[in-house]
Amino acid sequence: RRHGAHVTQDEHEWRIRTGMTPDGEYSPTTSSSGFAADQKQLEAYEAALTKLWSNPMNAKGTRLVKEFDDVIDVPGAGKSYSLSGGSTGVLSSQAVNRVKFVFRLDSSGQDYYLYTMYPTP
């Protein structure tokens, strides 16, 4: 919803300037990023799942951490936008080749769900 290839540069700029996400939630930030293409987002998700499932379990068969986050390399992942010169500055962007992801453990203690994933410098 907030970092997919469908999110426009204008929407990223609006989020940085106002704190309003593309899906209408207030979430202030100093930068915003998006995937270059749906295929890059899928590639990142599959790599994140691989890393997640290498996370060890305890003797009861439950995961050891309630939240699992990491950064993975995904060449051509997307762009990161920021304002140069503060909130009234000019929008700039840079290509990024890394993706931050966060999985959270559900209340059963057995399954993770993807909380967020986005390209990061």
C-alpha atoms as a PDB file:
ATOM      1  CA  ARG A   1       0.000   0.000   0.000  1.00  0.00           C
ATOM      2  CA  ARG A   2       2.776   2.456   0.833  1.00  0.00           C
ATOM      3  CA  HIS A   3       5.843   1.189  -0.998  1.00  0.00           C
ATOM      4  CA  GLY A   4       4.598  -0.620  -4.095  1.00  0.00           C
ATOM      5  CA  ALA A   5       5.560   0.274  -7.640  1.00  0.00           C
ATOM      6  CA  HIS A   6       2.098   1.854  -8.068  1.00  0.00           C
ATOM      7  CA  VAL A   7       2.909   4.662  -5.585  1.00  0.00           C
ATOM      8  CA  THR A   8       3.865   7.768  -7.549  1.00  0.00           C
ATOM      9  CA  GLN A   9       6.727  10.175  -6.928  1.00  0.00           C
ATOM     10  CA  ASP A  10       4.135  12.831  -6.062  1.00  0.00           C
ATOM     11  CA  GLU A  11       2.655  10.553  -3.387  1.00  0.00           C
ATOM     12  CA  HIS A  12       6.096   9.978  -1.890  1.00  0.00           C
ATOM     13  CA  GLU A  13       6.691  13.720  -1.808  1.00  0.00           C
ATOM     14  CA  TRP A  14       3.269  14.338  -0.235  1.00  0.00           C
ATOM     15  CA  ARG A  15       4.064  11.824   2.500  1.00  0.00           C
ATOM     16  CA  ILE A  16       7.361  13.510   3.345  1.00  0.00           C
ATOM     17  CA  ARG A  17       5.831  16.993   3.357  1.00  0.00           C
ATOM     18  CA  THR A  18       2.589  16.196   5.221  1.00  0.00           C
ATOM     19  CA  GLY A  19       3.072  12.845   6.955  1.00  0.00           C
ATOM     20  CA  MET A  20       0.054  11.400   5.110  1.00  0.00           C
ATOM     21  CA  THR A  21       0.639   7.978   3.571  1.00  0.00           C
ATOM     22  CA  PRO A  22      -0.778   6.976   0.180  1.00  0.00           C
ATOM     23  CA  ASP A  23      -3.416   4.911   2.016  1.00  0.00           C
ATOM     24  CA  GLY A  24      -4.531   7.879   4.132  1.00  0.00           C
ATOM     25  CA  GLU A  25      -2.825   7.260   7.477  1.00  0.00           C
ATOM     26  CA  TYR A  26      -0.797   9.893   9.309  1.00  0.00           C
ATOM     27  CA  SER A  27       2.751   8.575   9.645  1.00  0.00           C
ATOM     28  CA  PRO A  28       5.401  11.317   9.543  1.00  0.00           C
ATOM     29  CA  THR A  29       8.787  10.506   8.012  1.00  0.00           C
ATOM     30  CA  THR A  30      11.787  12.302   6.561  1.00  0.00           C
ATOM     31  CA  SER A  31      12.094   9.902   3.632  1.00  0.00           C
ATOM     32  CA  SER A  32       9.843   7.621   1.606  1.00  0.00           C
ATOM     33  CA  SER A  33      10.663   4.764  -0.719  1.00  0.00           C
ATOM     34  CA  GLY A  34       9.055   2.548  -3.293  1.00  0.00           C
ATOM     35  CA  PHE A  35       9.790  -0.548  -5.314  1.00  0.00           C
ATOM     36  CA  ALA A  36      10.846  -0.119  -8.939  1.00  0.00           C
ATOM     37  CA  ALA A  37       8.496  -2.875 -10.115  1.00  0.00           C
ATOM     38  CA  ASP A  38       6.113  -5.492  -8.766  1.00  0.00           C
ATOM     39  CA  GLN A  39       8.672  -8.168  -9.711  1.00  0.00           C
ATOM     40  CA  LYS A  40      11.299  -6.503  -7.494  1.00  0.00           C
ATOM     41  CA  GLN A  41       8.851  -6.474  -4.594  1.00  0.00           C
ATOM     42  CA  LEU A  42       8.112 -10.176  -5.109  1.00  0.00           C
ATOM     43  CA  GLU A  43      11.831 -10.951  -5.353  1.00  0.00           C
ATOM     44  CA  ALA A  44      12.397  -9.101  -2.067  1.00  0.00           C
ATOM     45  CA  TYR A  45       9.508 -10.910  -0.367  1.00  0.00           C
ATOM     46  CA  GLU A  46      10.808 -14.324  -1.400  1.00  0.00           C
ATOM     47  CA  ALA A  47      14.323 -13.467  -0.154  1.00  0.00           C
ATOM     48  CA  ALA A  48      12.877 -12.152   3.121  1.00  0.00           C
ATOM     49  CA  LEU A  49      10.890 -15.371   3.616  1.00  0.00           C
ATOM     50  CA  THR A  50      14.048 -17.410   3.087  1.00  0.00           C
ATOM     51  CA  LYS A  51      15.797 -15.390   5.792  1.00  0.00           C
ATOM     52  CA  LEU A  52      12.786 -15.605   8.103  1.00  0.00           C
ATOM     53  CA  TRP A  53      12.565 -19.392   7.927  1.00  0.00           C
ATOM     54  CA  SER A  54      16.237 -19.722   8.750  1.00  0.00           C
ATOM     55  CA  ASN A  55      15.281 -18.139  12.112  1.00  0.00           C
ATOM     56  CA  PRO A  56      15.585 -20.933  14.727  1.00  0.00           C
ATOM     57  CA  MET A  57      12.763 -22.444  16.769  1.00  0.00           C
ATOM     58  CA  ASN A  58      12.864 -23.414  20.416  1.00  0.00           C
ATOM     59  CA  ALA A  59      12.223 -26.921  21.804  1.00  0.00           C
ATOM     60  CA  LYS A  60       8.447 -26.292  21.856  1.00  0.00           C
ATOM     61  CA  GLY A  61       8.462 -25.621  18.125  1.00  0.00           C
ATOM     62  CA  THR A  62       7.786 -21.913  18.456  1.00  0.00           C
ATOM     63  CA  ARG A  63       9.908 -19.081  17.126  1.00  0.00           C
ATOM     64  CA  LEU A  64      12.473 -17.474  19.376  1.00  0.00           C
ATOM     65  CA  VAL A  65      11.667 -13.862  18.476  1.00  0.00           C
ATOM     66  CA  LYS A  66       8.330 -12.048  18.312  1.00  0.00           C
ATOM     67  CA  GLU A  67       9.601  -9.688  15.633  1.00  0.00           C
ATOM     68  CA  PHE A  68      12.133 -10.566  12.972  1.00  0.00           C
ATOM     69  CA  ASP A  69      13.657  -7.788  10.902  1.00  0.00           C
ATOM     70  CA  ASP A  70      16.644  -7.533   8.635  1.00  0.00           C
ATOM     71  CA  VAL A  71      17.971  -5.915   5.479  1.00  0.00           C
ATOM     72  CA  ILE A  72      18.592  -7.868   2.284  1.00  0.00           C
ATOM     73  CA  ASP A  73      20.300  -7.016  -0.981  1.00  0.00           C
ATOM     74  CA  VAL A  74      17.975  -6.733  -3.975  1.00  0.00           C
ATOM     75  CA  PRO A  75      19.722  -5.118  -6.954  1.00  0.00           C
ATOM     76  CA  GLY A  76      17.491  -2.475  -8.544  1.00  0.00           C
ATOM     77  CA  ALA A  77      14.992  -2.654  -5.667  1.00  0.00           C
ATOM     78  CA  GLY A  78      13.655   0.874  -6.055  1.00  0.00           C
ATOM     79  CA  LYS A  79      14.072   4.501  -5.085  1.00  0.00           C
ATOM     80  CA  SER A  80      14.299   6.415  -1.856  1.00  0.00           C
ATOM     81  CA  TYR A  81      13.020  10.009  -1.760  1.00  0.00           C
ATOM     82  CA  SER A  82      13.958  12.808   0.616  1.00  0.00           C
ATOM     83  CA  LEU A  83      13.852  16.590   0.791  1.00  0.00           C
ATOM     84  CA  SER A  84      17.074  18.519   0.500  1.00  0.00           C
ATOM     85  CA  GLY A  85      16.913  21.667   2.615  1.00  0.00           C
ATOM     86  CA  GLY A  86      14.228  20.657   5.120  1.00  0.00           C
ATOM     87  CA  SER A  87      10.439  20.500   4.772  1.00  0.00           C
ATOM     88  CA  THR A  88      10.373  23.276   2.160  1.00  0.00           C
ATOM     89  CA  GLY A  89      13.256  21.793   0.188  1.00  0.00           C
ATOM     90  CA  VAL A  90      13.421  20.151  -3.196  1.00  0.00           C
ATOM     91  CA  LEU A  91      12.616  16.473  -3.575  1.00  0.00           C
ATOM     92  CA  SER A  92      15.574  14.301  -4.469  1.00  0.00           C
ATOM     93  CA  SER A  93      15.772  10.582  -5.096  1.00  0.00           C
ATOM     94  CA  GLN A  94      18.374   7.877  -5.159  1.00  0.00           C
ATOM     95  CA  ALA A  95      18.351   4.358  -6.504  1.00  0.00           C
ATOM     96  CA  VAL A  96      18.572   1.743  -3.762  1.00  0.00           C
ATOM     97  CA  ASN A  97      19.585  -1.901  -3.836  1.00  0.00           C
ATOM     98  CA  ARG A  98      18.588  -2.978  -0.336  1.00  0.00           C
ATOM     99  CA  VAL A  99      15.255  -3.815   1.272  1.00  0.00           C
ATOM    100  CA  LYS A 100      14.271  -3.606   4.948  1.00  0.00           C
ATOM    101  CA  PHE A 101      11.632  -6.077   6.102  1.00  0.00           C
ATOM    102  CA  VAL A 102       9.817  -6.757   9.365  1.00  0.00           C
ATOM    103  CA  PHE A 103       7.845  -9.901  10.181  1.00  0.00           C
ATOM    104  CA  ARG A 104       5.829 -10.117  13.384  1.00  0.00           C
ATOM    105  CA  LEU A 105       4.729 -13.251  15.187  1.00  0.00           C
ATOM    106  CA  ASP A 106       0.973 -13.743  15.468  1.00  0.00           C
ATOM    107  CA  SER A 107      -0.794 -14.477  18.750  1.00  0.00           C
ATOM    108  CA  SER A 108      -0.532 -18.260  18.252  1.00  0.00           C
ATOM    109  CA  GLY A 109       3.252 -18.021  18.420  1.00  0.00           C
ATOM    110  CA  GLN A 110       3.471 -20.199  15.313  1.00  0.00           C
ATOM    111  CA  ASP A 111       3.092 -17.961  12.278  1.00  0.00           C
ATOM    112  CA  TYR A 112       4.660 -14.726  11.123  1.00  0.00           C
ATOM    113  CA  TYR A 113       3.006 -12.059   9.019  1.00  0.00           C
ATOM    114  CA  LEU A 114       4.761  -9.400   6.977  1.00  0.00           C
ATOM    115  CA  TYR A 115       4.411  -6.117   8.838  1.00  0.00           C
ATOM    116  CA  THR A 116       6.373  -3.927   6.417  1.00  0.00           C
ATOM    117  CA  MET A 117       8.916  -4.108   3.619  1.00  0.00           C
ATOM    118  CA  TYR A 118      10.500  -1.238   1.716  1.00  0.00           C
ATOM    119  CA  PRO A 119      13.593  -0.261  -0.268  1.00  0.00           C
ATOM    120  CA  THR A 120      16.210   1.434   1.915  1.00  0.00           C
ATOM    121  CA  PRO A 121      19.483   3.272   1.263  1.00  0.00           C
END
